[in-house]
């Protein structure tokens, strides 16, 4: 049913950039807010960024604000996360997630998840 497939992870140097993508299917993509979250080994799941269904409103965690940018292409059913100025502490499994709402993006509103793409930031 709902399927979210992330791509674009890999190795980046501190200060470098990566662009993550999430291909969505199995639901009316344009009707739902979407988010990125990340899991750092040994820590809990951290919400990173969210975007409302129409793409006009974005939200970010304090830890990534000013460095990451979330966007979406509703026609293509794609979600993106542009990550710039990467830091070692950004190393994590990055997960694409669907919200159960059109305009609510934080962790408690998310109801479907991809398997994730691994981002490693290291010199």
PDB file of N, CA and C in Angstrom:
ATOM      1  N   UNK A   1       0.864  -1.196   0.000  1.00  0.00           N
ATOM      2  CA  UNK A   1       0.000   0.000   0.000  1.00  0.00           C
ATOM      3  C   UNK A   1       0.897   1.241   0.000  1.00  0.00           C
ATOM      4  N   UNK A   2       0.975   1.942   1.104  1.00  0.00           N
ATOM      5  CA  UNK A   2       1.867   3.086   1.175  1.00  0.00           C
ATOM      6  C   UNK A   2       3.301   2.600   1.033  1.00  0.00           C
ATOM      7  N   UNK A   3       4.022   3.215   0.114  1.00  0.00           N
ATOM      8  CA  UNK A   3       5.415   2.873  -0.089  1.00  0.00           C
ATOM      9  C   UNK A   3       6.244   4.146  -0.188  1.00  0.00           C
ATOM     10  N   UNK A   4       7.301   4.198   0.583  1.00  0.00           N
ATOM     11  CA  UNK A   4       8.215   5.329   0.595  1.00  0.00           C
ATOM     12  C   UNK A   4       9.621   4.776   0.453  1.00  0.00           C
ATOM     13  N   UNK A   5      10.304   5.196  -0.584  1.00  0.00           N
ATOM     14  CA  UNK A   5      11.621   4.661  -0.892  1.00  0.00           C
ATOM     15  C   UNK A   5      12.617   5.802  -0.979  1.00  0.00           C
ATOM     16  N   UNK A   6      13.536   5.814  -0.040  1.00  0.00           N
ATOM     17  CA  UNK A   6      14.543   6.860   0.021  1.00  0.00           C
ATOM     18  C   UNK A   6      15.757   6.499  -0.817  1.00  0.00           C
ATOM     19  N   UNK A   7      16.449   7.526  -1.266  1.00  0.00           N
ATOM     20  CA  UNK A   7      17.704   7.343  -1.972  1.00  0.00           C
ATOM     21  C   UNK A   7      18.553   8.597  -1.781  1.00  0.00           C
ATOM     22  N   UNK A   8      19.805   8.495  -2.145  1.00  0.00           N
ATOM     23  CA  UNK A   8      20.686   9.647  -2.121  1.00  0.00           C
ATOM     24  C   UNK A   8      21.649   9.706  -0.958  1.00  0.00           C
ATOM     25  N   UNK A   9      21.521   8.795  -0.025  1.00  0.00           N
ATOM     26  CA  UNK A   9      22.446   8.772   1.088  1.00  0.00           C
ATOM     27  C   UNK A   9      23.824   8.318   0.650  1.00  0.00           C
ATOM     28  N   UNK A  10      24.752   8.461   1.543  1.00  0.00           N
ATOM     29  CA  UNK A  10      26.115   8.074   1.255  1.00  0.00           C
ATOM     30  C   UNK A  10      27.071   8.790   2.171  1.00  0.00           C
ATOM     31  N   UNK A  11      28.294   8.867   1.726  1.00  0.00           N
ATOM     32  CA  UNK A  11      29.359   9.485   2.504  1.00  0.00           C
ATOM     33  C   UNK A  11      29.581  10.918   2.056  1.00  0.00           C
ATOM     34  N   UNK A  12      29.637  11.815   3.012  1.00  0.00           N
ATOM     35  CA  UNK A  12      29.965  13.207   2.743  1.00  0.00           C
ATOM     36  C   UNK A  12      30.985  13.683   3.755  1.00  0.00           C
ATOM     37  N   UNK A  13      31.773  14.642   3.338  1.00  0.00           N
ATOM     38  CA  UNK A  13      32.724  15.262   4.254  1.00  0.00           C
ATOM     39  C   UNK A  13      32.042  16.340   5.080  1.00  0.00           C
ATOM     40  N   UNK A  14      32.561  16.619   6.263  1.00  0.00           N
ATOM     41  CA  UNK A  14      32.047  17.776   6.995  1.00  0.00           C
ATOM     42  C   UNK A  14      32.094  19.028   6.121  1.00  0.00           C
ATOM     43  N   UNK A  15      31.011  19.773   6.148  1.00  0.00           N
ATOM     44  CA  UNK A  15      30.884  20.934   5.287  1.00  0.00           C
ATOM     45  C   UNK A  15      30.336  20.632   3.912  1.00  0.00           C
ATOM     46  N   UNK A  16      30.207  19.368   3.584  1.00  0.00           N
ATOM     47  CA  UNK A  16      29.717  18.971   2.283  1.00  0.00           C
ATOM     48  C   UNK A  16      28.210  18.931   2.198  1.00  0.00           C
ATOM     49  N   UNK A  17      27.725  18.406   1.085  1.00  0.00           N
ATOM     50  CA  UNK A  17      26.291  18.381   0.805  1.00  0.00           C
ATOM     51  C   UNK A  17      25.848  17.030   0.283  1.00  0.00           C
ATOM     52  N   UNK A  18      24.608  16.713   0.557  1.00  0.00           N
ATOM     53  CA  UNK A  18      23.921  15.584  -0.036  1.00  0.00           C
ATOM     54  C   UNK A  18      22.482  15.991  -0.296  1.00  0.00           C
ATOM     55  N   UNK A  19      21.879  15.359  -1.276  1.00  0.00           N
ATOM     56  CA  UNK A  19      20.464  15.570  -1.561  1.00  0.00           C
ATOM     57  C   UNK A  19      19.755  14.229  -1.488  1.00  0.00           C
ATOM     58  N   UNK A  20      18.835  14.111  -0.565  1.00  0.00           N
ATOM     59  CA  UNK A  20      18.061  12.897  -0.407  1.00  0.00           C
ATOM     60  C   UNK A  20      16.750  13.002  -1.172  1.00  0.00           C
ATOM     61  N   UNK A  21      16.304  11.876  -1.680  1.00  0.00           N
ATOM     62  CA  UNK A  21      15.034  11.808  -2.381  1.00  0.00           C
ATOM     63  C   UNK A  21      14.169  10.727  -1.767  1.00  0.00           C
ATOM     64  N   UNK A  22      12.880  10.901  -1.877  1.00  0.00           N
ATOM     65  CA  UNK A  22      11.915   9.917  -1.418  1.00  0.00           C
ATOM     66  C   UNK A  22      10.829   9.789  -2.472  1.00  0.00           C
ATOM     67  N   UNK A  23      10.679   8.607  -3.015  1.00  0.00           N
ATOM     68  CA  UNK A  23       9.639   8.322  -3.993  1.00  0.00           C
ATOM     69  C   UNK A  23       8.441   7.720  -3.277  1.00  0.00           C
ATOM     70  N   UNK A  24       7.282   8.321  -3.463  1.00  0.00           N
ATOM     71  CA  UNK A  24       6.083   7.927  -2.738  1.00  0.00           C
ATOM     72  C   UNK A  24       5.061   7.288  -3.670  1.00  0.00           C
ATOM     73  N   UNK A  25       4.376   6.287  -3.153  1.00  0.00           N
ATOM     74  CA  UNK A  25       3.297   5.655  -3.899  1.00  0.00           C
ATOM     75  C   UNK A  25       2.306   5.036  -2.923  1.00  0.00           C
ATOM     76  N   UNK A  26       1.135   4.693  -3.425  1.00  0.00           N
ATOM     77  CA  UNK A  26       0.137   4.011  -2.615  1.00  0.00           C
ATOM     78  C   UNK A  26      -0.797   4.918  -1.846  1.00  0.00           C
ATOM     79  N   UNK A  27      -0.691   6.205  -2.060  1.00  0.00           N
ATOM     80  CA  UNK A  27      -1.592   7.161  -1.420  1.00  0.00           C
ATOM     81  C   UNK A  27      -1.603   8.436  -2.236  1.00  0.00           C
ATOM     82  N   UNK A  28      -2.540   9.305  -1.926  1.00  0.00           N
ATOM     83  CA  UNK A  28      -2.646  10.573  -2.636  1.00  0.00           C
ATOM     84  C   UNK A  28      -1.596  11.526  -2.073  1.00  0.00           C
ATOM     85  N   UNK A  29      -0.439  11.493  -2.692  1.00  0.00           N
ATOM     86  CA  UNK A  29       0.723  12.197  -2.166  1.00  0.00           C
ATOM     87  C   UNK A  29       0.448  13.673  -1.911  1.00  0.00           C
ATOM     88  N   UNK A  30      -0.213  14.326  -2.839  1.00  0.00           N
ATOM     89  CA  UNK A  30      -0.434  15.763  -2.741  1.00  0.00           C
ATOM     90  C   UNK A  30      -1.373  16.162  -1.606  1.00  0.00           C
ATOM     91  N   UNK A  31      -2.049  15.203  -0.996  1.00  0.00           N
ATOM     92  CA  UNK A  31      -2.996  15.502   0.068  1.00  0.00           C
ATOM     93  C   UNK A  31      -2.375  15.489   1.459  1.00  0.00           C
ATOM     94  N   UNK A  32      -1.133  15.054   1.562  1.00  0.00           N
ATOM     95  CA  UNK A  32      -0.547  14.839   2.875  1.00  0.00           C
ATOM     96  C   UNK A  32       0.751  15.590   3.077  1.00  0.00           C
ATOM     97  N   UNK A  33       0.919  16.094   4.284  1.00  0.00           N
ATOM     98  CA  UNK A  33       2.210  16.617   4.685  1.00  0.00           C
ATOM     99  C   UNK A  33       3.229  15.486   4.740  1.00  0.00           C
ATOM    100  N   UNK A  34       4.476  15.837   4.587  1.00  0.00           N
ATOM    101  CA  UNK A  34       5.559  14.860   4.613  1.00  0.00           C
ATOM    102  C   UNK A  34       6.687  15.369   5.497  1.00  0.00           C
ATOM    103  N   UNK A  35       7.462  14.438   6.021  1.00  0.00           N
ATOM    104  CA  UNK A  35       8.572  14.807   6.884  1.00  0.00           C
ATOM    105  C   UNK A  35       9.779  13.929   6.627  1.00  0.00           C
ATOM    106  N   UNK A  36      10.894  14.423   7.063  1.00  0.00           N
ATOM    107  CA  UNK A  36      12.106  13.631   7.215  1.00  0.00           C
ATOM    108  C   UNK A  36      12.426  13.524   8.695  1.00  0.00           C
ATOM    109  N   UNK A  37      12.837  12.345   9.093  1.00  0.00           N
ATOM    110  CA  UNK A  37      13.331  12.129  10.435  1.00  0.00           C
ATOM    111  C   UNK A  37      14.620  11.328  10.337  1.00  0.00           C
ATOM    112  N   UNK A  38      15.348  11.257  11.410  1.00  0.00           N
ATOM    113  CA  UNK A  38      16.596  10.500  11.377  1.00  0.00           C
ATOM    114  C   UNK A  38      16.789   9.724  12.663  1.00  0.00           C
ATOM    115  N   UNK A  39      17.453   8.589  12.502  1.00  0.00           N
ATOM    116  CA  UNK A  39      17.773   7.749  13.632  1.00  0.00           C
ATOM    117  C   UNK A  39      19.277   7.637  13.762  1.00  0.00           C
ATOM    118  N   UNK A  40      19.783   8.109  14.876  1.00  0.00           N
ATOM    119  CA  UNK A  40      21.187   7.944  15.204  1.00  0.00           C
ATOM    120  C   UNK A  40      21.302   6.733  16.117  1.00  0.00           C
ATOM    121  N   UNK A  41      22.224   5.859  15.791  1.00  0.00           N
ATOM    122  CA  UNK A  41      22.400   4.648  16.587  1.00  0.00           C
ATOM    123  C   UNK A  41      22.647   5.009  18.043  1.00  0.00           C
ATOM    124  N   UNK A  42      21.876   4.394  18.916  1.00  0.00           N
ATOM    125  CA  UNK A  42      21.991   4.659  20.336  1.00  0.00           C
ATOM    126  C   UNK A  42      21.144   5.811  20.828  1.00  0.00           C
ATOM    127  N   UNK A  43      20.468   6.474  19.924  1.00  0.00           N
ATOM    128  CA  UNK A  43      19.589   7.577  20.283  1.00  0.00           C
ATOM    129  C   UNK A  43      18.195   7.337  19.723  1.00  0.00           C
ATOM    130  N   UNK A  44      17.266   8.156  20.141  1.00  0.00           N
ATOM    131  CA  UNK A  44      15.915   8.040  19.652  1.00  0.00           C
ATOM    132  C   UNK A  44      15.739   8.639  18.268  1.00  0.00           C
ATOM    133  N   UNK A  45      14.570   8.442  17.735  1.00  0.00           N
ATOM    134  CA  UNK A  45      14.232   9.007  16.440  1.00  0.00           C
ATOM    135  C   UNK A  45      14.044  10.510  16.580  1.00  0.00           C
ATOM    136  N   UNK A  46      14.693  11.256  15.721  1.00  0.00           N
ATOM    137  CA  UNK A  46      14.644  12.711  15.752  1.00  0.00           C
ATOM    138  C   UNK A  46      13.940  13.240  14.516  1.00  0.00           C
ATOM    139  N   UNK A  47      12.909  14.011  14.712  1.00  0.00           N
ATOM    140  CA  UNK A  47      12.275  14.700  13.605  1.00  0.00           C
ATOM    141  C   UNK A  47      13.213  15.776  13.065  1.00  0.00           C
ATOM    142  N   UNK A  48      13.293  15.893  11.760  1.00  0.00           N
ATOM    143  CA  UNK A  48      14.245  16.786  11.115  1.00  0.00           C
ATOM    144  C   UNK A  48      13.567  17.946  10.402  1.00  0.00           C
ATOM    145  N   UNK A  49      12.615  17.638   9.550  1.00  0.00           N
ATOM    146  CA  UNK A  49      11.990  18.659   8.723  1.00  0.00           C
ATOM    147  C   UNK A  49      10.645  18.170   8.234  1.00  0.00           C
ATOM    148  N   UNK A  50       9.761  19.106   7.941  1.00  0.00           N
ATOM    149  CA  UNK A  50       8.463  18.757   7.414  1.00  0.00           C
ATOM    150  C   UNK A  50       7.982  19.781   6.416  1.00  0.00           C
ATOM    151  N   UNK A  51       7.065  19.353   5.584  1.00  0.00           N
ATOM    152  CA  UNK A  51       6.509  20.220   4.558  1.00  0.00           C
ATOM    153  C   UNK A  51       5.026  19.922   4.421  1.00  0.00           C
ATOM    154  N   UNK A  52       4.225  20.959   4.348  1.00  0.00           N
ATOM    155  CA  UNK A  52       2.790  20.785   4.225  1.00  0.00           C
ATOM    156  C   UNK A  52       2.438  20.273   2.836  1.00  0.00           C
ATOM    157  N   UNK A  53       1.208  19.823   2.701  1.00  0.00           N
ATOM    158  CA  UNK A  53       0.820  19.113   1.488  1.00  0.00           C
ATOM    159  C   UNK A  53       0.995  19.931   0.217  1.00  0.00           C
ATOM    160  N   UNK A  54       0.743  21.221   0.308  1.00  0.00           N
ATOM    161  CA  UNK A  54       0.851  22.068  -0.880  1.00  0.00           C
ATOM    162  C   UNK A  54       2.260  22.596  -1.119  1.00  0.00           C
ATOM    163  N   UNK A  55       3.186  22.263  -0.237  1.00  0.00           N
ATOM    164  CA  UNK A  55       4.572  22.670  -0.392  1.00  0.00           C
ATOM    165  C   UNK A  55       4.870  24.095  -0.025  1.00  0.00           C
ATOM    166  N   UNK A  56       3.895  24.803   0.484  1.00  0.00           N
ATOM    167  CA  UNK A  56       4.079  26.229   0.750  1.00  0.00           C
ATOM    168  C   UNK A  56       4.625  26.537   2.133  1.00  0.00           C
ATOM    169  N   UNK A  57       4.549  25.586   3.043  1.00  0.00           N
ATOM    170  CA  UNK A  57       5.029  25.795   4.398  1.00  0.00           C
ATOM    171  C   UNK A  57       6.013  24.700   4.766  1.00  0.00           C
ATOM    172  N   UNK A  58       7.160  25.097   5.285  1.00  0.00           N
ATOM    173  CA  UNK A  58       8.164  24.142   5.739  1.00  0.00           C
ATOM    174  C   UNK A  58       8.519  24.418   7.190  1.00  0.00           C
ATOM    175  N   UNK A  59       8.962  23.373   7.867  1.00  0.00           N
ATOM    176  CA  UNK A  59       9.375  23.473   9.258  1.00  0.00           C
ATOM    177  C   UNK A  59      10.635  22.650   9.453  1.00  0.00           C
ATOM    178  N   UNK A  60      11.478  23.084  10.391  1.00  0.00           N
ATOM    179  CA  UNK A  60      12.748  22.428  10.626  1.00  0.00           C
ATOM    180  C   UNK A  60      13.050  22.332  12.107  1.00  0.00           C
ATOM    181  N   UNK A  61      13.779  21.296  12.459  1.00  0.00           N
ATOM    182  CA  UNK A  61      14.315  21.231  13.806  1.00  0.00           C
ATOM    183  C   UNK A  61      15.416  22.276  13.954  1.00  0.00           C
ATOM    184  N   UNK A  62      15.638  22.694  15.182  1.00  0.00           N
ATOM    185  CA  UNK A  62      16.676  23.689  15.420  1.00  0.00           C
ATOM    186  C   UNK A  62      18.051  23.197  14.978  1.00  0.00           C
ATOM    187  N   UNK A  63      18.284  21.910  15.061  1.00  0.00           N
ATOM    188  CA  UNK A  63      19.595  21.370  14.751  1.00  0.00           C
ATOM    189  C   UNK A  63      19.959  21.458  13.274  1.00  0.00           C
ATOM    190  N   UNK A  64      18.971  21.567  12.399  1.00  0.00           N
ATOM    191  CA  UNK A  64      19.258  21.618  10.968  1.00  0.00           C
ATOM    192  C   UNK A  64      18.825  22.912  10.310  1.00  0.00           C
ATOM    193  N   UNK A  65      18.153  23.758  11.031  1.00  0.00           N
ATOM    194  CA  UNK A  65      17.639  25.002  10.471  1.00  0.00           C
ATOM    195  C   UNK A  65      18.772  25.834   9.878  1.00  0.00           C
ATOM    196  N   UNK A  66      18.567  26.302   8.667  1.00  0.00           N
ATOM    197  CA  UNK A  66      19.576  27.078   7.973  1.00  0.00           C
ATOM    198  C   UNK A  66      20.549  26.251   7.174  1.00  0.00           C
ATOM    199  N   UNK A  67      20.548  24.948   7.378  1.00  0.00           N
ATOM    200  CA  UNK A  67      21.450  24.060   6.653  1.00  0.00           C
ATOM    201  C   UNK A  67      20.725  23.103   5.722  1.00  0.00           C
ATOM    202  N   UNK A  68      19.554  22.668   6.122  1.00  0.00           N
ATOM    203  CA  UNK A  68      18.778  21.715   5.333  1.00  0.00           C
ATOM    204  C   UNK A  68      17.575  22.409   4.732  1.00  0.00           C
ATOM    205  N   UNK A  69      17.116  21.905   3.611  1.00  0.00           N
ATOM    206  CA  UNK A  69      15.914  22.422   2.971  1.00  0.00           C
ATOM    207  C   UNK A  69      15.063  21.266   2.461  1.00  0.00           C
ATOM    208  N   UNK A  70      13.832  21.223   2.910  1.00  0.00           N
ATOM    209  CA  UNK A  70      12.895  20.217   2.448  1.00  0.00           C
ATOM    210  C   UNK A  70      12.059  20.794   1.311  1.00  0.00           C
ATOM    211  N   UNK A  71      11.762  19.964   0.342  1.00  0.00           N
ATOM    212  CA  UNK A  71      10.929  20.384  -0.773  1.00  0.00           C
ATOM    213  C   UNK A  71      10.172  19.179  -1.304  1.00  0.00           C
ATOM    214  N   UNK A  72       9.202  19.441  -2.164  1.00  0.00           N
ATOM    215  CA  UNK A  72       8.438  18.348  -2.743  1.00  0.00           C
ATOM    216  C   UNK A  72       7.990  18.703  -4.140  1.00  0.00           C
ATOM    217  N   UNK A  73       7.783  17.687  -4.927  1.00  0.00           N
ATOM    218  CA  UNK A  73       7.233  17.818  -6.261  1.00  0.00           C
ATOM    219  C   UNK A  73       6.007  16.920  -6.292  1.00  0.00           C
ATOM    220  N   UNK A  74       4.846  17.516  -6.141  1.00  0.00           N
ATOM    221  CA  UNK A  74       3.633  16.719  -6.039  1.00  0.00           C
ATOM    222  C   UNK A  74       3.291  16.002  -7.339  1.00  0.00           C
ATOM    223  N   UNK A  75       3.587  16.609  -8.465  1.00  0.00           N
ATOM    224  CA  UNK A  75       3.326  15.949  -9.739  1.00  0.00           C
ATOM    225  C   UNK A  75       4.164  14.687  -9.889  1.00  0.00           C
ATOM    226  N   UNK A  76       5.401  14.753  -9.419  1.00  0.00           N
ATOM    227  CA  UNK A  76       6.298  13.615  -9.507  1.00  0.00           C
ATOM    228  C   UNK A  76       6.191  12.673  -8.322  1.00  0.00           C
ATOM    229  N   UNK A  77       5.414  13.019  -7.334  1.00  0.00           N
ATOM    230  CA  UNK A  77       5.267  12.242  -6.104  1.00  0.00           C
ATOM    231  C   UNK A  77       6.626  12.021  -5.442  1.00  0.00           C
ATOM    232  N   UNK A  78       7.377  13.112  -5.321  1.00  0.00           N
ATOM    233  CA  UNK A  78       8.725  13.043  -4.772  1.00  0.00           C
ATOM    234  C   UNK A  78       8.905  14.043  -3.639  1.00  0.00           C
ATOM    235  N   UNK A  79       9.633  13.632  -2.641  1.00  0.00           N
ATOM    236  CA  UNK A  79      10.047  14.464  -1.523  1.00  0.00           C
ATOM    237  C   UNK A  79      11.565  14.533  -1.519  1.00  0.00           C
ATOM    238  N   UNK A  80      12.098  15.685  -1.167  1.00  0.00           N
ATOM    239  CA  UNK A  80      13.538  15.888  -1.182  1.00  0.00           C
ATOM    240  C   UNK A  80      14.016  16.503   0.128  1.00  0.00           C
ATOM    241  N   UNK A  81      15.275  16.268   0.413  1.00  0.00           N
ATOM    242  CA  UNK A  81      15.946  16.953   1.508  1.00  0.00           C
ATOM    243  C   UNK A  81      17.340  17.340   1.042  1.00  0.00           C
ATOM    244  N   UNK A  82      17.529  18.620   0.836  1.00  0.00           N
ATOM    245  CA  UNK A  82      18.840  19.144   0.494  1.00  0.00           C
ATOM    246  C   UNK A  82      19.588  19.422   1.785  1.00  0.00           C
ATOM    247  N   UNK A  83      20.731  18.795   1.946  1.00  0.00           N
ATOM    248  CA  UNK A  83      21.521  18.913   3.167  1.00  0.00           C
ATOM    249  C   UNK A  83      22.844  19.572   2.827  1.00  0.00           C
ATOM    250  N   UNK A  84      23.054  20.743   3.370  1.00  0.00           N
ATOM    251  CA  UNK A  84      24.286  21.491   3.170  1.00  0.00           C
ATOM    252  C   UNK A  84      24.982  21.692   4.504  1.00  0.00           C
ATOM    253  N   UNK A  85      26.239  22.073   4.432  1.00  0.00           N
ATOM    254  CA  UNK A  85      27.037  22.326   5.636  1.00  0.00           C
ATOM    255  C   UNK A  85      26.949  21.165   6.618  1.00  0.00           C
ATOM    256  N   UNK A  86      27.126  19.978   6.099  1.00  0.00           N
ATOM    257  CA  UNK A  86      26.955  18.780   6.914  1.00  0.00           C
ATOM    258  C   UNK A  86      27.977  18.702   8.032  1.00  0.00           C
ATOM    259  N   UNK A  87      27.521  18.161   9.137  1.00  0.00           N
ATOM    260  CA  UNK A  87      28.338  17.970  10.322  1.00  0.00           C
ATOM    261  C   UNK A  87      28.391  16.490  10.665  1.00  0.00           C
ATOM    262  N   UNK A  88      29.442  16.058  11.349  1.00  0.00           N
ATOM    263  CA  UNK A  88      29.492  14.648  11.750  1.00  0.00           C
ATOM    264  C   UNK A  88      28.257  14.203  12.529  1.00  0.00           C
ATOM    265  N   UNK A  89      27.683  15.079  13.324  1.00  0.00           N
ATOM    266  CA  UNK A  89      26.502  14.712  14.088  1.00  0.00           C
ATOM    267  C   UNK A  89      25.250  14.539  13.236  1.00  0.00           C
ATOM    268  N   UNK A  90      25.330  14.864  11.952  1.00  0.00           N
ATOM    269  CA  UNK A  90      24.238  14.570  11.029  1.00  0.00           C
ATOM    270  C   UNK A  90      24.239  13.116  10.572  1.00  0.00           C
ATOM    271  N   UNK A  91      25.275  12.390  10.899  1.00  0.00           N
ATOM    272  CA  UNK A  91      25.346  10.978  10.537  1.00  0.00           C
ATOM    273  C   UNK A  91      24.160  10.235  11.139  1.00  0.00           C
ATOM    274  N   UNK A  92      23.383   9.589  10.293  1.00  0.00           N
ATOM    275  CA  UNK A  92      22.172   8.923  10.752  1.00  0.00           C
ATOM    276  C   UNK A  92      21.535   8.177   9.595  1.00  0.00           C
ATOM    277  N   UNK A  93      20.575   7.348   9.938  1.00  0.00           N
ATOM    278  CA  UNK A  93      19.672   6.781   8.954  1.00  0.00           C
ATOM    279  C   UNK A  93      18.528   7.777   8.769  1.00  0.00           C
ATOM    280  N   UNK A  94      18.372   8.269   7.558  1.00  0.00           N
ATOM    281  CA  UNK A  94      17.355   9.266   7.267  1.00  0.00           C
ATOM    282  C   UNK A  94      16.127   8.592   6.685  1.00  0.00           C
ATOM    283  N   UNK A  95      14.994   8.874   7.290  1.00  0.00           N
ATOM    284  CA  UNK A  95      13.742   8.232   6.953  1.00  0.00           C
ATOM    285  C   UNK A  95      12.744   9.238   6.414  1.00  0.00           C
ATOM    286  N   UNK A  96      12.131   8.893   5.326  1.00  0.00           N
ATOM    287  CA  UNK A  96      11.028   9.646   4.765  1.00  0.00           C
ATOM    288  C   UNK A  96       9.745   9.170   5.427  1.00  0.00           C
ATOM    289  N   UNK A  97       8.858  10.087   5.751  1.00  0.00           N
ATOM    290  CA  UNK A  97       7.638   9.706   6.446  1.00  0.00           C
ATOM    291  C   UNK A  97       6.444  10.507   5.957  1.00  0.00           C
ATOM    292  N   UNK A  98       5.325   9.853   5.931  1.00  0.00           N
ATOM    293  CA  UNK A  98       4.048  10.449   5.581  1.00  0.00           C
ATOM    294  C   UNK A  98       3.324  10.875   6.843  1.00  0.00           C
ATOM    295  N   UNK A  99       2.721  12.047   6.793  1.00  0.00           N
ATOM    296  CA  UNK A  99       1.862  12.490   7.871  1.00  0.00           C
ATOM    297  C   UNK A  99       0.440  11.989   7.657  1.00  0.00           C
ATOM    298  N   UNK A 100      -0.301  11.903   8.739  1.00  0.00           N
ATOM    299  CA  UNK A 100      -1.720  11.600   8.656  1.00  0.00           C
ATOM    300  C   UNK A 100      -2.551  12.852   8.405  1.00  0.00           C
ATOM    301  N   UNK A 101      -1.888  13.977   8.233  1.00  0.00           N
ATOM    302  CA  UNK A 101      -2.547  15.262   8.095  1.00  0.00           C
ATOM    303  C   UNK A 101      -1.978  16.033   6.920  1.00  0.00           C
ATOM    304  N   UNK A 102      -2.680  17.053   6.511  1.00  0.00           N
ATOM    305  CA  UNK A 102      -2.203  17.879   5.410  1.00  0.00           C
ATOM    306  C   UNK A 102      -1.263  18.986   5.866  1.00  0.00           C
ATOM    307  N   UNK A 103      -1.400  19.409   7.127  1.00  0.00           N
ATOM    308  CA  UNK A 103      -0.691  20.586   7.598  1.00  0.00           C
ATOM    309  C   UNK A 103      -0.068  20.389   8.979  1.00  0.00           C
ATOM    310  N   UNK A 104       0.309  19.171   9.290  1.00  0.00           N
ATOM    311  CA  UNK A 104       0.926  18.850  10.563  1.00  0.00           C
ATOM    312  C   UNK A 104       2.060  17.878  10.298  1.00  0.00           C
ATOM    313  N   UNK A 105       3.266  18.222  10.708  1.00  0.00           N
ATOM    314  CA  UNK A 105       4.443  17.501  10.219  1.00  0.00           C
ATOM    315  C   UNK A 105       5.294  16.855  11.299  1.00  0.00           C
ATOM    316  N   UNK A 106       5.033  17.110  12.570  1.00  0.00           N
ATOM    317  CA  UNK A 106       5.927  16.598  13.598  1.00  0.00           C
ATOM    318  C   UNK A 106       5.681  15.121  13.885  1.00  0.00           C
ATOM    319  N   UNK A 107       6.564  14.556  14.671  1.00  0.00           N
ATOM    320  CA  UNK A 107       6.715  13.114  14.772  1.00  0.00           C
ATOM    321  C   UNK A 107       5.433  12.381  15.136  1.00  0.00           C
ATOM    322  N   UNK A 108       4.650  12.962  16.028  1.00  0.00           N
ATOM    323  CA  UNK A 108       3.446  12.275  16.495  1.00  0.00           C
ATOM    324  C   UNK A 108       2.349  12.192  15.450  1.00  0.00           C
ATOM    325  N   UNK A 109       2.488  12.929  14.350  1.00  0.00           N
ATOM    326  CA  UNK A 109       1.499  12.870  13.294  1.00  0.00           C
ATOM    327  C   UNK A 109       1.860  11.973  12.122  1.00  0.00           C
ATOM    328  N   UNK A 110       2.997  11.332  12.191  1.00  0.00           N
ATOM    329  CA  UNK A 110       3.482  10.532  11.073  1.00  0.00           C
ATOM    330  C   UNK A 110       2.981   9.101  11.176  1.00  0.00           C
ATOM    331  N   UNK A 111       2.497   8.561  10.075  1.00  0.00           N
ATOM    332  CA  UNK A 111       1.873   7.246  10.126  1.00  0.00           C
ATOM    333  C   UNK A 111       2.410   6.222   9.131  1.00  0.00           C
ATOM    334  N   UNK A 112       3.404   6.570   8.353  1.00  0.00           N
ATOM    335  CA  UNK A 112       4.022   5.610   7.453  1.00  0.00           C
ATOM    336  C   UNK A 112       5.460   6.037   7.203  1.00  0.00           C
ATOM    337  N   UNK A 113       6.309   5.041   7.042  1.00  0.00           N
ATOM    338  CA  UNK A 113       7.740   5.302   6.981  1.00  0.00           C
ATOM    339  C   UNK A 113       8.417   4.498   5.890  1.00  0.00           C
ATOM    340  N   UNK A 114       9.454   5.072   5.310  1.00  0.00           N
ATOM    341  CA  UNK A 114      10.340   4.304   4.465  1.00  0.00           C
ATOM    342  C   UNK A 114      11.363   3.569   5.299  1.00  0.00           C
ATOM    343  N   UNK A 115      12.179   2.786   4.634  1.00  0.00           N
ATOM    344  CA  UNK A 115      13.210   2.032   5.341  1.00  0.00           C
ATOM    345  C   UNK A 115      14.452   2.858   5.641  1.00  0.00           C
ATOM    346  N   UNK A 116      14.627   3.947   4.932  1.00  0.00           N
ATOM    347  CA  UNK A 116      15.698   4.867   5.226  1.00  0.00           C
ATOM    348  C   UNK A 116      16.871   4.772   4.274  1.00  0.00           C
ATOM    349  N   UNK A 117      17.653   5.824   4.276  1.00  0.00           N
ATOM    350  CA  UNK A 117      18.906   5.869   3.542  1.00  0.00           C
ATOM    351  C   UNK A 117      19.980   6.396   4.489  1.00  0.00           C
ATOM    352  N   UNK A 118      21.113   5.752   4.472  1.00  0.00           N
ATOM    353  CA  UNK A 118      22.156   6.054   5.445  1.00  0.00           C
ATOM    354  C   UNK A 118      23.024   7.207   4.969  1.00  0.00           C
ATOM    355  N   UNK A 119      23.204   8.168   5.849  1.00  0.00           N
ATOM    356  CA  UNK A 119      24.085   9.301   5.614  1.00  0.00           C
ATOM    357  C   UNK A 119      25.223   9.233   6.612  1.00  0.00           C
ATOM    358  N   UNK A 120      26.428   9.271   6.104  1.00  0.00           N
ATOM    359  CA  UNK A 120      27.613   9.280   6.952  1.00  0.00           C
ATOM    360  C   UNK A 120      28.418  10.524   6.640  1.00  0.00           C
ATOM    361  N   UNK A 121      28.682  11.313   7.655  1.00  0.00           N
ATOM    362  CA  UNK A 121      29.462  12.533   7.505  1.00  0.00           C
ATOM    363  C   UNK A 121      30.759  12.337   8.271  1.00  0.00           C
ATOM    364  N   UNK A 122      31.823  12.220   7.534  1.00  0.00           N
ATOM    365  CA  UNK A 122      33.115  11.927   8.149  1.00  0.00           C
ATOM    366  C   UNK A 122      34.235  12.356   7.223  1.00  0.00           C
ATOM    367  N   UNK A 123      35.312  12.803   7.815  1.00  0.00           N
ATOM    368  CA  UNK A 123      36.501  13.117   7.049  1.00  0.00           C
ATOM    369  C   UNK A 123      37.288  11.856   6.714  1.00  0.00           C
TER     370      UNK A 123
END
